[in-house]
């Protein structure tokens, strides 16, 4: 028995190799820019979710000060619900209510905010010097006030204030 030769005959289309597109430096530069931009955006988003100890302390003091004014100080300044808020609080419009110190804020309402001390301890804040000063504003409701924050801390940007 004879062997049959099975030769494959190549067609012209098979001989033509497909031209491969090779990326040049402009394409690689563009890809690099896109990758770097993506990584920078991801890094910015990740760091935006984490607050610095100073930011945490600022947020915590704002929260405590708001609760203190609306729940404790405002009702005591009015004294009586029959009193006209404008007549009572207008006195404090320019001079403000005497400064309330952090030590008082942390311990008011049966130590409700005592656990918040950790935010201020990290910055080495002096609880006898750090505080808030409230200024009631018209129409003199429980949420109508401005606040000056007084920071006396060793760490963070507060150290420069």
Protein backbone atom coordinates (compact mmCIF):
# COMPACT_ATOMS: atom_id res chain seq x y z
CA UNK A 1 0.00 0.00 0.00
CA UNK A 2 1.21 3.31 -0.90
CA UNK A 3 1.27 6.30 1.23
CA UNK A 4 -0.79 9.18 0.17
CA UNK A 5 0.85 12.46 0.50
CA UNK A 6 -1.33 15.01 2.20
CA UNK A 7 0.17 18.28 1.26
CA UNK A 8 -1.66 21.33 2.12
CA UNK A 9 -1.58 23.99 -0.38
CA UNK A 10 -1.47 27.47 1.08
CA UNK A 11 -3.70 30.06 -0.41
CA UNK A 12 -2.69 33.63 -0.95
CA UNK A 13 -4.77 34.83 1.95
CA UNK A 14 -3.02 32.51 4.33
CA UNK A 15 0.38 33.78 3.25
CA UNK A 16 -0.50 37.31 4.07
CA UNK A 17 0.14 37.81 7.73
CA UNK A 18 -2.07 40.24 9.51
CA UNK A 19 -0.32 43.45 10.34
CA UNK A 20 -0.11 43.84 14.10
CA UNK A 21 -0.50 47.29 15.51
CA UNK A 22 2.37 48.07 17.82
CA UNK A 23 1.73 50.71 20.44
CA UNK A 24 4.03 53.66 20.13
CA UNK A 25 5.12 56.11 22.78
CA UNK A 26 2.06 58.38 22.38
CA UNK A 27 -0.30 55.50 23.13
CA UNK A 28 1.79 54.29 26.08
CA UNK A 29 1.95 57.84 27.44
CA UNK A 30 -1.83 58.14 27.24
CA UNK A 31 -2.29 54.79 28.96
CA UNK A 32 0.15 55.86 31.68
CA UNK A 33 -1.71 59.12 32.23
CA UNK A 34 -5.04 57.32 32.50
CA UNK A 35 -3.64 54.79 34.99
CA UNK A 36 -1.96 57.49 37.12
CA UNK A 37 -5.11 59.62 37.10
CA UNK A 38 -7.23 56.67 38.15
CA UNK A 39 -4.86 55.81 41.01
CA UNK A 40 -4.77 59.42 42.20
CA UNK A 41 -8.57 59.67 42.18
CA UNK A 42 -8.85 56.43 44.16
CA UNK A 43 -6.25 57.67 46.66
CA UNK A 44 -8.06 61.00 47.04
CA UNK A 45 -11.36 59.27 47.67
CA UNK A 46 -9.81 56.91 50.21
CA UNK A 47 -8.14 59.71 52.17
CA UNK A 48 -11.34 61.74 52.07
CA UNK A 49 -13.12 59.05 54.05
CA UNK A 50 -10.62 59.23 56.89
CA UNK A 51 -10.68 62.28 59.10
CA UNK A 52 -7.66 63.60 60.94
CA UNK A 53 -7.74 63.73 64.75
CA UNK A 54 -8.17 67.49 64.49
CA UNK A 55 -11.21 67.17 62.20
CA UNK A 56 -12.72 64.58 64.54
CA UNK A 57 -12.23 66.91 67.51
CA UNK A 58 -13.82 69.83 65.64
CA UNK A 59 -16.85 67.74 64.68
CA UNK A 60 -17.21 66.38 68.21
CA UNK A 61 -17.00 69.83 69.81
CA UNK A 62 -19.61 71.16 67.38
CA UNK A 63 -21.92 68.26 68.26
CA UNK A 64 -21.44 68.70 72.01
CA UNK A 65 -21.83 72.49 71.83
CA UNK A 66 -25.06 72.20 69.85
CA UNK A 67 -26.55 69.73 72.32
CA UNK A 68 -25.41 71.85 75.27
CA UNK A 69 -26.96 75.04 73.93
CA UNK A 70 -30.27 73.61 72.75
CA UNK A 71 -30.88 71.17 75.63
CA UNK A 72 -29.29 72.93 78.58
CA UNK A 73 -28.20 76.55 78.16
CA UNK A 74 -31.09 77.98 76.13
CA UNK A 75 -33.82 76.82 78.54
CA UNK A 76 -31.82 78.10 81.51
CA UNK A 77 -31.17 81.46 79.91
CA UNK A 78 -34.89 81.90 79.32
CA UNK A 79 -35.66 80.78 82.84
CA UNK A 80 -39.38 80.61 82.26
CA UNK A 81 -41.36 79.69 79.16
CA UNK A 82 -43.44 82.83 79.71
CA UNK A 83 -40.37 85.03 79.23
CA UNK A 84 -39.95 86.72 75.88
CA UNK A 85 -36.80 85.22 74.26
CA UNK A 86 -35.93 88.51 72.54
CA UNK A 87 -36.07 90.50 75.79
CA UNK A 88 -33.94 87.95 77.65
CA UNK A 89 -31.39 86.98 74.98
CA UNK A 90 -30.85 90.35 73.28
CA UNK A 91 -28.51 91.24 76.14
CA UNK A 92 -26.09 88.53 74.95
CA UNK A 93 -26.19 89.49 71.25
CA UNK A 94 -22.92 91.44 71.26
CA UNK A 95 -21.11 90.23 74.38
CA UNK A 96 -22.15 86.59 74.18
CA UNK A 97 -22.87 84.15 76.94
CA UNK A 98 -19.86 83.58 79.23
CA UNK A 99 -17.45 80.97 77.87
CA UNK A 100 -18.33 77.36 78.56
CA UNK A 101 -15.21 75.23 78.88
CA UNK A 102 -14.68 71.76 77.48
CA UNK A 103 -14.48 70.27 80.95
CA UNK A 104 -18.04 71.47 81.61
CA UNK A 105 -19.30 70.31 78.22
CA UNK A 106 -17.92 66.80 78.68
CA UNK A 107 -19.54 66.40 82.10
CA UNK A 108 -22.90 68.10 81.68
CA UNK A 109 -26.08 65.99 81.66
CA UNK A 110 -24.62 63.24 83.88
CA UNK A 111 -21.42 62.76 81.84
CA UNK A 112 -23.33 62.17 78.60
CA UNK A 113 -20.31 63.21 76.52
CA UNK A 114 -17.53 61.92 78.79
CA UNK A 115 -16.55 59.33 76.17
CA UNK A 116 -15.85 62.15 73.72
CA UNK A 117 -12.80 63.14 75.77
CA UNK A 118 -10.69 60.72 73.71
CA UNK A 119 -10.92 63.05 70.68
CA UNK A 120 -9.45 65.92 72.68
CA UNK A 121 -6.89 63.80 74.54
CA UNK A 122 -5.24 62.87 71.23
CA UNK A 123 -4.61 66.56 70.57
CA UNK A 124 -3.62 67.25 74.17
CA UNK A 125 -6.34 69.87 74.57
CA UNK A 126 -6.54 71.74 77.86
CA UNK A 127 -10.12 71.12 79.03
CA UNK A 128 -9.94 74.17 81.32
CA UNK A 129 -9.00 76.54 78.48
CA UNK A 130 -10.64 75.01 75.38
CA UNK A 131 -14.26 76.06 75.14
CA UNK A 132 -17.12 77.71 73.31
CA UNK A 133 -18.76 81.10 73.49
CA UNK A 134 -22.38 81.35 72.33
CA UNK A 135 -23.98 84.42 70.77
CA UNK A 136 -27.78 84.30 70.48
CA UNK A 137 -29.14 85.87 67.27
CA UNK A 138 -32.59 86.87 66.08
CA UNK A 139 -35.26 85.51 66.19
CA UNK A 140 -33.76 84.04 69.38
CA UNK A 141 -35.04 80.49 69.06
CA UNK A 142 -33.26 77.41 70.40
CA UNK A 143 -31.24 77.01 67.16
CA UNK A 144 -30.61 80.71 66.57
CA UNK A 145 -27.06 81.26 67.74
CA UNK A 146 -23.48 81.52 66.55
CA UNK A 147 -20.46 80.02 68.26
CA UNK A 148 -16.84 81.01 68.74
CA UNK A 149 -14.63 77.99 69.38
CA UNK A 150 -11.64 78.53 71.63
CA UNK A 151 -8.90 75.94 71.12
CA UNK A 152 -6.01 75.39 73.50
CA UNK A 153 -4.33 72.22 72.26
CA UNK A 154 -0.73 71.12 71.87
CA UNK A 155 -1.12 69.04 68.70
CA UNK A 156 -2.46 69.76 65.19
CA UNK A 157 -3.24 73.14 63.70
CA UNK A 158 -4.74 74.20 67.01
CA UNK A 159 -1.21 74.57 68.35
CA UNK A 160 -0.68 77.56 66.04
CA UNK A 161 -3.91 79.33 66.97
